[in-house]
Structures are given as structure tokens and as C-alpha cells.
Amino acid sequence: MTSADEPAVLALNATAVEQTDLLGPDRLDWLRLIAAHAAVVELDGEVAAFVLTFAPGSAHDSLDFQWFAATYADRFLHLDRIVVAEQHRRKGIASLVYRAVERSAKPFDRLVCRVQSDPPDVASLAFHAARDFVEVGKLSRPNGTTSAMLSKELTT
């Protein structure tokens, strides 16, 4: 992800704001610079998806990242968000990105993320369950929702 991708990433993130936190240009620029992975998937010259991950010790200040840091110290890679454009869903893009991120997370023993559980994001919960993520906790969010804190162990 480069600064040239940021307008497309911001627009894409805005379509998923119920599942992810809102991003502005300054926040995205900062997150991109401190991320372990800040990548886009391009199809036909357009940003079809993006992903942000954060390693332990990062300056990331999200509630999710802080929860995972308190729970796992330095033994996790945090998948902060992945958003796939509506017209590109069900084409295997998310699975492809997850496989790549899981390979990168292996030295940390686990890949972690949050998924909204109250109200439930049924599709995302099912996707993560199918990828062998398990719920390891709950986190109440300031907006009144609850997140399932998920982990996929990668030590085997």
C-alpha cells in the first residue's frame, strides 16, 4: 500500500465501517507506516481489497491490539482489518490474503483478529470458524457492540 492507494483504501474502508473502525487520511497514513503489513490487492488496475496487520511492540493504539498485547505479550500477529470490495467477494481474495498473512504470523505462534459478535457479523464469524479461528475472549466496544476476540494457533 502506498500513499497513492490511500483514497481507494479509505473509500473501501467506508463501505465496511460497521465491521471496521472508521479511517481518515491522517490515521490511515500513520497506520500504514507502523503496520507489519499494509497491502492492497489490485484487479484490473483497481484496489479490490486491502489488509493491515500489526506486530507486537507496534505503536498501534486500538482497543483490539491492546487487548491482544495484554493477553499474548509478544506471541501474536494482529490482523487489524481486511476489506474486500463487494463486487470482488466470493472470488477467493480473502482466503488468499489470509493464507499469506498466516504464513507471516507463524513466527508469532498465532494470528489474531476481532469480529463483531453482538450484533453478530454472521458471515465473518463463519469465515473465521472455517479457517480454524477460535474465540478466546470478548471485548465491549465504546459504540455498544461486543467483539469476539479470535485466535488461530499456528504452532503445529
N, C-alpha and C. Protein backbone atom coordinates (compact mmCIF):
# COMPACT_ATOMS: atom_id res chain seq x y z
N MET A 1 0.85 -1.17 0.00
CA MET A 1 0.00 0.00 0.00
C MET A 1 0.90 1.24 0.00
N THR A 2 0.62 2.12 -0.92
CA THR A 2 1.36 3.37 -0.99
C THR A 2 0.40 4.53 -0.73
N SER A 3 0.96 5.70 -0.62
CA SER A 3 0.10 6.88 -0.41
C SER A 3 -0.86 7.06 -1.58
N ALA A 4 -0.48 6.64 -2.78
CA ALA A 4 -1.37 6.73 -3.94
C ALA A 4 -2.60 5.85 -3.80
N ASP A 5 -2.49 4.77 -3.01
CA ASP A 5 -3.61 3.86 -2.79
C ASP A 5 -4.59 4.37 -1.74
N GLU A 6 -4.17 5.34 -0.95
CA GLU A 6 -4.96 5.75 0.21
C GLU A 6 -6.39 6.19 -0.12
N PRO A 7 -6.65 6.98 -1.18
CA PRO A 7 -8.06 7.33 -1.45
C PRO A 7 -8.94 6.11 -1.70
N ALA A 8 -8.43 5.15 -2.45
CA ALA A 8 -9.21 3.94 -2.72
C ALA A 8 -9.40 3.13 -1.45
N VAL A 9 -8.37 3.05 -0.62
CA VAL A 9 -8.46 2.29 0.63
C VAL A 9 -9.47 2.96 1.57
N LEU A 10 -9.44 4.28 1.67
CA LEU A 10 -10.40 4.99 2.52
C LEU A 10 -11.82 4.76 2.04
N ALA A 11 -12.03 4.81 0.74
CA ALA A 11 -13.38 4.58 0.19
C ALA A 11 -13.83 3.15 0.47
N LEU A 12 -12.93 2.20 0.29
CA LEU A 12 -13.25 0.80 0.54
C LEU A 12 -13.55 0.58 2.02
N ASN A 13 -12.74 1.16 2.90
CA ASN A 13 -12.98 1.01 4.34
C ASN A 13 -14.34 1.60 4.73
N ALA A 14 -14.72 2.70 4.11
CA ALA A 14 -16.01 3.34 4.43
C ALA A 14 -17.19 2.42 4.12
N THR A 15 -17.02 1.49 3.19
CA THR A 15 -18.12 0.57 2.86
C THR A 15 -18.28 -0.51 3.92
N ALA A 16 -17.27 -0.65 4.80
CA ALA A 16 -17.30 -1.70 5.81
C ALA A 16 -17.22 -1.13 7.22
N VAL A 17 -17.64 0.11 7.39
CA VAL A 17 -17.45 0.79 8.67
C VAL A 17 -18.22 0.12 9.81
N GLU A 18 -19.27 -0.64 9.50
CA GLU A 18 -19.98 -1.35 10.57
C GLU A 18 -19.14 -2.48 11.14
N GLN A 19 -18.21 -3.01 10.35
CA GLN A 19 -17.35 -4.10 10.82
C GLN A 19 -15.95 -3.62 11.22
N THR A 20 -15.53 -2.49 10.70
CA THR A 20 -14.20 -1.95 11.00
C THR A 20 -14.34 -0.56 11.59
N ASP A 21 -13.27 -0.05 12.11
CA ASP A 21 -13.28 1.32 12.61
C ASP A 21 -13.13 2.28 11.44
N LEU A 22 -13.74 3.45 11.56
CA LEU A 22 -13.64 4.49 10.55
C LEU A 22 -12.19 4.95 10.43
N LEU A 23 -11.77 5.25 9.22
CA LEU A 23 -10.43 5.76 8.97
C LEU A 23 -10.51 7.10 8.26
N GLY A 24 -9.65 8.02 8.68
CA GLY A 24 -9.44 9.26 7.96
C GLY A 24 -8.07 9.21 7.32
N PRO A 25 -7.75 10.17 6.48
CA PRO A 25 -6.46 10.15 5.78
C PRO A 25 -5.25 10.13 6.72
N ASP A 26 -5.28 10.96 7.77
CA ASP A 26 -4.13 11.00 8.67
C ASP A 26 -3.96 9.69 9.43
N ARG A 27 -5.06 9.12 9.90
CA ARG A 27 -4.99 7.86 10.64
C ARG A 27 -4.49 6.73 9.73
N LEU A 28 -5.01 6.66 8.52
CA LEU A 28 -4.57 5.63 7.60
C LEU A 28 -3.09 5.79 7.28
N ASP A 29 -2.64 7.00 7.05
CA ASP A 29 -1.23 7.22 6.75
C ASP A 29 -0.36 6.74 7.89
N TRP A 30 -0.76 7.05 9.13
CA TRP A 30 0.00 6.62 10.30
C TRP A 30 -0.02 5.09 10.43
N LEU A 31 -1.20 4.48 10.31
CA LEU A 31 -1.30 3.03 10.42
C LEU A 31 -0.47 2.33 9.34
N ARG A 32 -0.52 2.87 8.16
CA ARG A 32 0.26 2.28 7.05
C ARG A 32 1.75 2.28 7.38
N LEU A 33 2.20 3.34 8.02
CA LEU A 33 3.63 3.46 8.33
C LEU A 33 4.08 2.56 9.47
N ILE A 34 3.18 2.23 10.41
CA ILE A 34 3.58 1.39 11.56
C ILE A 34 3.16 -0.07 11.40
N ALA A 35 2.45 -0.39 10.33
CA ALA A 35 1.92 -1.74 10.13
C ALA A 35 3.02 -2.74 9.78
N ALA A 36 2.80 -3.98 10.17
CA ALA A 36 3.66 -5.07 9.70
C ALA A 36 3.35 -5.34 8.23
N HIS A 37 2.07 -5.30 7.89
CA HIS A 37 1.61 -5.44 6.51
C HIS A 37 0.60 -4.34 6.23
N ALA A 38 0.80 -3.64 5.17
CA ALA A 38 -0.17 -2.67 4.66
C ALA A 38 -0.18 -2.91 3.15
N ALA A 39 -1.10 -3.75 2.72
CA ALA A 39 -1.07 -4.21 1.34
C ALA A 39 -2.43 -4.05 0.68
N VAL A 40 -2.39 -3.87 -0.63
CA VAL A 40 -3.61 -3.84 -1.42
C VAL A 40 -3.57 -5.00 -2.41
N VAL A 41 -4.76 -5.44 -2.81
CA VAL A 41 -4.90 -6.41 -3.89
C VAL A 41 -5.52 -5.64 -5.04
N GLU A 42 -4.83 -5.61 -6.15
CA GLU A 42 -5.34 -4.90 -7.32
C GLU A 42 -5.84 -5.88 -8.37
N LEU A 43 -6.98 -5.55 -8.94
CA LEU A 43 -7.53 -6.30 -10.07
C LEU A 43 -7.89 -5.29 -11.14
N ASP A 44 -7.39 -5.52 -12.32
CA ASP A 44 -7.66 -4.61 -13.45
C ASP A 44 -7.35 -3.16 -13.10
N GLY A 45 -6.26 -2.93 -12.36
CA GLY A 45 -5.83 -1.58 -12.04
C GLY A 45 -6.60 -0.91 -10.92
N GLU A 46 -7.53 -1.63 -10.29
CA GLU A 46 -8.31 -1.07 -9.19
C GLU A 46 -7.99 -1.79 -7.89
N VAL A 47 -8.09 -1.06 -6.77
CA VAL A 47 -7.92 -1.68 -5.47
C VAL A 47 -9.17 -2.50 -5.18
N ALA A 48 -8.99 -3.82 -5.13
CA ALA A 48 -10.11 -4.73 -4.88
C ALA A 48 -10.21 -5.11 -3.41
N ALA A 49 -9.08 -4.96 -2.68
CA ALA A 49 -9.05 -5.33 -1.26
C ALA A 49 -7.82 -4.70 -0.63
N PHE A 50 -7.85 -4.62 0.70
CA PHE A 50 -6.66 -4.21 1.42
C PHE A 50 -6.61 -4.91 2.77
N VAL A 51 -5.42 -4.96 3.34
CA VAL A 51 -5.21 -5.60 4.63
C VAL A 51 -4.19 -4.79 5.43
N LEU A 52 -4.42 -4.73 6.75
CA LEU A 52 -3.48 -4.12 7.69
C LEU A 52 -3.24 -5.10 8.83
N THR A 53 -1.97 -5.38 9.12
CA THR A 53 -1.62 -6.21 10.28
C THR A 53 -0.60 -5.48 11.12
N PHE A 54 -0.51 -5.87 12.40
CA PHE A 54 0.41 -5.23 13.34
C PHE A 54 1.10 -6.27 14.20
N ALA A 55 2.40 -6.08 14.36
CA ALA A 55 3.20 -7.00 15.17
C ALA A 55 3.30 -6.48 16.60
N PRO A 56 3.64 -7.36 17.54
CA PRO A 56 3.84 -6.94 18.92
C PRO A 56 4.88 -5.81 18.99
N GLY A 57 4.67 -4.90 19.92
CA GLY A 57 5.58 -3.77 20.07
C GLY A 57 5.24 -2.60 19.19
N SER A 58 4.24 -2.77 18.34
CA SER A 58 3.80 -1.68 17.47
C SER A 58 3.22 -0.55 18.30
N ALA A 59 3.22 0.63 17.74
CA ALA A 59 2.61 1.79 18.39
C ALA A 59 1.10 1.83 18.19
N HIS A 60 0.53 0.78 17.62
CA HIS A 60 -0.92 0.76 17.36
C HIS A 60 -1.67 0.95 18.68
N ASP A 61 -2.69 1.79 18.66
CA ASP A 61 -3.40 2.16 19.88
C ASP A 61 -4.84 1.67 19.93
N SER A 62 -5.21 0.74 19.06
CA SER A 62 -6.60 0.27 19.07
C SER A 62 -6.88 -0.57 20.31
N LEU A 63 -8.14 -0.59 20.72
CA LEU A 63 -8.55 -1.44 21.85
C LEU A 63 -8.24 -2.91 21.58
N ASP A 64 -8.46 -3.33 20.34
CA ASP A 64 -8.24 -4.73 19.98
C ASP A 64 -6.76 -5.09 20.14
N PHE A 65 -5.91 -4.27 19.56
CA PHE A 65 -4.47 -4.55 19.63
C PHE A 65 -4.01 -4.58 21.08
N GLN A 66 -4.48 -3.62 21.87
CA GLN A 66 -4.08 -3.57 23.28
C GLN A 66 -4.57 -4.81 24.04
N TRP A 67 -5.78 -5.28 23.73
CA TRP A 67 -6.31 -6.49 24.37
C TRP A 67 -5.42 -7.69 24.03
N PHE A 68 -5.09 -7.83 22.74
CA PHE A 68 -4.25 -8.96 22.35
C PHE A 68 -2.85 -8.85 22.95
N ALA A 69 -2.29 -7.66 23.04
CA ALA A 69 -0.97 -7.47 23.64
C ALA A 69 -1.00 -7.86 25.12
N ALA A 70 -2.07 -7.49 25.82
CA ALA A 70 -2.19 -7.85 27.24
C ALA A 70 -2.39 -9.36 27.40
N THR A 71 -3.02 -10.00 26.44
CA THR A 71 -3.32 -11.43 26.51
C THR A 71 -2.13 -12.29 26.07
N TYR A 72 -1.44 -11.89 25.00
CA TYR A 72 -0.42 -12.74 24.41
C TYR A 72 1.00 -12.15 24.43
N ALA A 73 1.19 -11.00 25.04
CA ALA A 73 2.51 -10.34 25.09
C ALA A 73 3.05 -10.16 23.67
N ASP A 74 4.10 -10.89 23.33
CA ASP A 74 4.69 -10.72 22.01
C ASP A 74 4.51 -11.95 21.11
N ARG A 75 3.50 -12.76 21.39
CA ARG A 75 3.29 -14.01 20.64
C ARG A 75 2.02 -13.95 19.79
N PHE A 76 1.88 -12.91 18.97
CA PHE A 76 0.73 -12.79 18.08
C PHE A 76 1.04 -11.85 16.93
N LEU A 77 0.35 -12.03 15.83
CA LEU A 77 0.28 -11.04 14.76
C LEU A 77 -1.18 -10.65 14.67
N HIS A 78 -1.44 -9.36 14.76
CA HIS A 78 -2.82 -8.85 14.78
C HIS A 78 -3.27 -8.46 13.38
N LEU A 79 -4.30 -9.14 12.90
CA LEU A 79 -4.93 -8.75 11.65
C LEU A 79 -5.97 -7.69 12.02
N ASP A 80 -5.62 -6.45 11.80
CA ASP A 80 -6.47 -5.34 12.21
C ASP A 80 -7.71 -5.23 11.33
N ARG A 81 -7.50 -5.35 10.03
CA ARG A 81 -8.65 -5.30 9.12
C ARG A 81 -8.26 -5.80 7.74
N ILE A 82 -9.26 -6.40 7.12
CA ILE A 82 -9.20 -6.76 5.71
C ILE A 82 -10.56 -6.40 5.15
N VAL A 83 -10.55 -5.71 4.04
CA VAL A 83 -11.81 -5.32 3.38
C VAL A 83 -11.68 -5.69 1.91
N VAL A 84 -12.67 -6.42 1.43
CA VAL A 84 -12.74 -6.80 0.02
C VAL A 84 -13.94 -6.07 -0.58
N ALA A 85 -13.73 -5.43 -1.72
CA ALA A 85 -14.83 -4.72 -2.40
C ALA A 85 -15.97 -5.67 -2.71
N GLU A 86 -17.17 -5.19 -2.54
CA GLU A 86 -18.38 -6.01 -2.73
C GLU A 86 -18.35 -6.79 -4.04
N GLN A 87 -17.99 -6.14 -5.12
CA GLN A 87 -18.01 -6.80 -6.44
C GLN A 87 -16.93 -7.86 -6.60
N HIS A 88 -15.99 -7.93 -5.65
CA HIS A 88 -14.92 -8.92 -5.73
C HIS A 88 -15.02 -10.00 -4.66
N ARG A 89 -16.11 -10.00 -3.91
CA ARG A 89 -16.28 -11.02 -2.88
C ARG A 89 -16.65 -12.35 -3.50
N ARG A 90 -16.37 -13.41 -2.76
CA ARG A 90 -16.64 -14.79 -3.17
C ARG A 90 -15.78 -15.22 -4.36
N LYS A 91 -14.61 -14.58 -4.49
CA LYS A 91 -13.67 -14.95 -5.55
C LYS A 91 -12.36 -15.50 -4.99
N GLY A 92 -12.31 -15.69 -3.68
CA GLY A 92 -11.12 -16.26 -3.07
C GLY A 92 -10.07 -15.26 -2.63
N ILE A 93 -10.36 -13.97 -2.77
CA ILE A 93 -9.37 -12.96 -2.41
C ILE A 93 -9.07 -13.00 -0.91
N ALA A 94 -10.09 -13.04 -0.08
CA ALA A 94 -9.87 -13.05 1.37
C ALA A 94 -9.09 -14.30 1.78
N SER A 95 -9.42 -15.44 1.22
CA SER A 95 -8.70 -16.67 1.54
C SER A 95 -7.24 -16.58 1.13
N LEU A 96 -6.98 -16.01 -0.02
CA LEU A 96 -5.61 -15.82 -0.49
C LEU A 96 -4.83 -14.92 0.46
N VAL A 97 -5.43 -13.81 0.85
CA VAL A 97 -4.77 -12.89 1.77
C VAL A 97 -4.55 -13.55 3.13
N TYR A 98 -5.55 -14.26 3.63
CA TYR A 98 -5.39 -14.94 4.92
C TYR A 98 -4.26 -15.96 4.88
N ARG A 99 -4.16 -16.72 3.81
CA ARG A 99 -3.07 -17.71 3.72
C ARG A 99 -1.71 -17.01 3.80
N ALA A 100 -1.56 -15.89 3.10
CA ALA A 100 -0.30 -15.16 3.13
C ALA A 100 -0.01 -14.60 4.53
N VAL A 101 -1.03 -14.03 5.15
CA VAL A 101 -0.85 -13.46 6.48
C VAL A 101 -0.56 -14.55 7.51
N GLU A 102 -1.23 -15.68 7.39
CA GLU A 102 -0.98 -16.80 8.31
C GLU A 102 0.47 -17.28 8.20
N ARG A 103 1.01 -17.33 7.00
CA ARG A 103 2.43 -17.70 6.84
C ARG A 103 3.32 -16.69 7.56
N SER A 104 3.01 -15.42 7.44
CA SER A 104 3.79 -14.38 8.10
C SER A 104 3.64 -14.43 9.62
N ALA A 105 2.51 -14.92 10.10
CA ALA A 105 2.24 -14.97 11.53
C ALA A 105 2.87 -16.17 12.22
N LYS A 106 3.31 -17.15 11.47
CA LYS A 106 3.85 -18.38 12.07
C LYS A 106 4.94 -18.12 13.12
N PRO A 107 5.89 -17.23 12.90
CA PRO A 107 6.90 -16.99 13.93
C PRO A 107 6.33 -16.44 15.24
N PHE A 108 5.12 -15.89 15.20
CA PHE A 108 4.47 -15.34 16.39
C PHE A 108 3.55 -16.36 17.07
N ASP A 109 3.41 -17.54 16.50
CA ASP A 109 2.59 -18.65 17.02
C ASP A 109 1.11 -18.54 16.74
N ARG A 110 0.60 -17.34 16.46
CA ARG A 110 -0.84 -17.22 16.25
C ARG A 110 -1.16 -15.95 15.46
N LEU A 111 -2.27 -16.02 14.75
CA LEU A 111 -2.86 -14.87 14.08
C LEU A 111 -4.12 -14.53 14.85
N VAL A 112 -4.30 -13.27 15.19
CA VAL A 112 -5.47 -12.86 15.97
C VAL A 112 -6.23 -11.75 15.25
N CYS A 113 -7.51 -11.68 15.55
CA CYS A 113 -8.36 -10.62 15.00
C CYS A 113 -9.62 -10.52 15.84
N ARG A 114 -10.40 -9.51 15.55
CA ARG A 114 -11.70 -9.39 16.21
C ARG A 114 -12.78 -9.43 15.16
N VAL A 115 -13.95 -9.95 15.57
CA VAL A 115 -15.13 -9.96 14.71
C VAL A 115 -16.30 -9.55 15.58
N GLN A 116 -17.13 -8.69 15.05
CA GLN A 116 -18.29 -8.24 15.80
C GLN A 116 -19.19 -9.43 16.12
N SER A 117 -19.54 -9.57 17.41
CA SER A 117 -20.37 -10.70 17.81
C SER A 117 -21.73 -10.29 18.36
N ASP A 118 -21.88 -9.03 18.73
CA ASP A 118 -23.18 -8.54 19.23
C ASP A 118 -23.35 -7.09 18.80
N PRO A 119 -24.12 -6.84 17.73
CA PRO A 119 -24.82 -7.84 16.91
C PRO A 119 -23.81 -8.65 16.09
N PRO A 120 -24.16 -9.90 15.77
CA PRO A 120 -23.19 -10.78 15.12
C PRO A 120 -22.96 -10.47 13.64
N ASP A 121 -21.71 -10.51 13.25
CA ASP A 121 -21.34 -10.48 11.84
C ASP A 121 -21.26 -11.94 11.41
N VAL A 122 -22.41 -12.49 11.05
CA VAL A 122 -22.56 -13.92 10.83
C VAL A 122 -21.60 -14.43 9.76
N ALA A 123 -21.48 -13.71 8.65
CA ALA A 123 -20.61 -14.17 7.56
C ALA A 123 -19.16 -14.21 8.01
N SER A 124 -18.70 -13.18 8.71
CA SER A 124 -17.31 -13.15 9.15
C SER A 124 -17.03 -14.19 10.22
N LEU A 125 -17.96 -14.38 11.15
CA LEU A 125 -17.79 -15.40 12.17
C LEU A 125 -17.67 -16.79 11.52
N ALA A 126 -18.50 -17.07 10.53
CA ALA A 126 -18.46 -18.35 9.83
C ALA A 126 -17.16 -18.51 9.04
N PHE A 127 -16.72 -17.46 8.37
CA PHE A 127 -15.47 -17.49 7.61
C PHE A 127 -14.30 -17.84 8.53
N HIS A 128 -14.24 -17.16 9.68
CA HIS A 128 -13.14 -17.40 10.61
C HIS A 128 -13.21 -18.79 11.24
N ALA A 129 -14.39 -19.25 11.56
CA ALA A 129 -14.53 -20.60 12.11
C ALA A 129 -14.04 -21.63 11.10
N ALA A 130 -14.38 -21.43 9.83
CA ALA A 130 -13.94 -22.36 8.78
C ALA A 130 -12.42 -22.35 8.61
N ARG A 131 -11.77 -21.27 9.01
CA ARG A 131 -10.31 -21.15 8.93
C ARG A 131 -9.64 -21.55 10.25
N ASP A 132 -10.40 -22.16 11.15
CA ASP A 132 -9.89 -22.68 12.43
C ASP A 132 -9.54 -21.59 13.46
N PHE A 133 -10.18 -20.45 13.36
CA PHE A 133 -10.06 -19.45 14.42
C PHE A 133 -11.01 -19.85 15.55
N VAL A 134 -10.60 -19.62 16.78
CA VAL A 134 -11.45 -19.90 17.93
C VAL A 134 -11.58 -18.63 18.77
N GLU A 135 -12.71 -18.51 19.43
CA GLU A 135 -12.92 -17.35 20.30
C GLU A 135 -12.12 -17.53 21.58
N VAL A 136 -11.35 -16.49 21.93
CA VAL A 136 -10.53 -16.54 23.14
C VAL A 136 -10.93 -15.46 24.14
N GLY A 137 -11.97 -14.69 23.81
CA GLY A 137 -12.45 -13.66 24.72
C GLY A 137 -13.48 -12.78 24.05
N LYS A 138 -14.00 -11.85 24.84
CA LYS A 138 -14.97 -10.85 24.36
C LYS A 138 -14.45 -9.48 24.74
N LEU A 139 -14.79 -8.48 23.93
CA LEU A 139 -14.40 -7.11 24.22
C LEU A 139 -15.58 -6.20 23.95
N SER A 140 -16.01 -5.48 24.98
CA SER A 140 -17.08 -4.49 24.81
C SER A 140 -16.47 -3.24 24.19
N ARG A 141 -17.15 -2.73 23.18
CA ARG A 141 -16.63 -1.57 22.44
C ARG A 141 -17.39 -0.32 22.85
N PRO A 142 -16.76 0.85 22.69
CA PRO A 142 -17.40 2.11 23.09
C PRO A 142 -18.72 2.39 22.37
N ASN A 143 -18.92 1.80 21.18
CA ASN A 143 -20.16 2.05 20.44
C ASN A 143 -21.30 1.14 20.88
N GLY A 144 -21.08 0.34 21.94
CA GLY A 144 -22.13 -0.52 22.47
C GLY A 144 -22.16 -1.92 21.89
N THR A 145 -21.29 -2.20 20.92
CA THR A 145 -21.23 -3.55 20.36
C THR A 145 -20.23 -4.39 21.16
N THR A 146 -20.24 -5.67 20.89
CA THR A 146 -19.27 -6.58 21.51
C THR A 146 -18.53 -7.31 20.40
N SER A 147 -17.24 -7.48 20.60
CA SER A 147 -16.41 -8.19 19.64
C SER A 147 -15.98 -9.53 20.20
N ALA A 148 -15.98 -10.52 19.34
CA ALA A 148 -15.36 -11.81 19.67
C ALA A 148 -13.89 -11.67 19.32
N MET A 149 -13.03 -11.98 20.27
CA MET A 149 -11.59 -11.93 20.06
C MET A 149 -11.17 -13.33 19.62
N LEU A 150 -10.64 -13.42 18.41
CA LEU A 150 -10.36 -14.71 17.79
C LEU A 150 -8.87 -14.96 17.64
N SER A 151 -8.49 -16.23 17.71
CA SER A 151 -7.10 -16.61 17.53
C SER A 151 -7.02 -17.89 16.71
N LYS A 152 -6.04 -17.93 15.84
CA LYS A 152 -5.71 -19.16 15.11
C LYS A 152 -4.30 -19.55 15.50
N GLU A 153 -4.20 -20.66 16.19
CA GLU A 153 -2.90 -21.15 16.64
C GLU A 153 -2.13 -21.70 15.43
N LEU A 154 -0.86 -21.34 15.32
CA LEU A 154 -0.06 -21.72 14.17
C LEU A 154 1.19 -22.49 14.56
N THR A 155 1.19 -23.09 15.73
CA THR A 155 2.39 -23.75 16.24
C THR A 155 2.56 -25.17 15.73
N THR A 156 1.58 -25.72 15.09
CA THR A 156 1.71 -27.11 14.61
C THR A 156 2.27 -27.17 13.23
